[in-house]
Amino acid sequence: MPDDTSAVPVAPEEIVPYRPHVGATRQYMRDIILGVNDGLVSVFLLVVGVVGGGLGSSAVLLAALAASFAGAISMSAGEYIATKSQEEVFDREMTLEREHLKYHRDVERDEIREMFGDMGLEDHLVEEVVTSLDADDEKFLKVMMALEFGVLETERRSPIRAAVYSGLLFMAGSMPSVLPFVFMDTPGSALAVAAVGAGLALFGVGALKTMTTFKNPWTSGMENVLIAAAGAALSFGIGSLYGAYA
């Protein structure tokens, strides 16, 4: 028989502190991380490339600002359309589910039985669940929404919030690569400052996300930095080739 670990007493000193869930922003973590990380990486790589191509600080600043605004608008628009489309698909599925409950209820009951049976619930408990759900269409729909489509009402995403998170954080992520060229006239020096700023920010983003993933912050932070560094080397090489032969 399998071990029932839940029945084994746990010594007080072995109890780990209670750790709360991420909460209301959980479904937007992708937008938050993608927005700021994309702003950090893409604009820094663009700056590296144009500096490698021999452009002056004012030209680099113009390119960086254009990339920052264009990227923010693109990210916002893309996330809005993608999230809105996804939510419309869920709404359509729920409309269809209501239709199934009204005209093909036996099929839906069988689906519930199969899903709970696959989870290991005993037959008599499955029937109790089906009987309980069968008495309330809204409960039935919510369970089907969670089990069949993997969606909870509290996890639904707002297209506007997704767009705002993505766009604003992209622009915020671009700032370490933009600001040095506002205050410094020498492209090489400005690029060095931008590299330090972007590198620290990338490490911080990688480390910060481990507050929700519980991974090693040093590993996650360095992974973020190394990916950007590899891209920067390639971008600088391409820019240098262009500058040499243009």
Foldseek 3Di string as FASTA:
>chain_A
DDDDVVPDDDDPVRDDDDDDAPPLCVLLPCLQLCQLLCLLQVLLLQLLQQVLLPDWLVVSLVVSVVCLQVQLQVQLVVLLVVLVVVVVVLVVVLVVVVVCCVPPVVVLLVVQLVQVVVVVDDNVVSVVVSVVCNVPVVSSSQVCCCRVVVDHPSSRDHSNVSSVSNNVSSSVSNVLLNVLSVPDGGSVVSSVSSLVSSLVVQLVSQLVVCSNVVDHSNVRSVVSNVVSVVSNVVSSVNSNVNNVPD
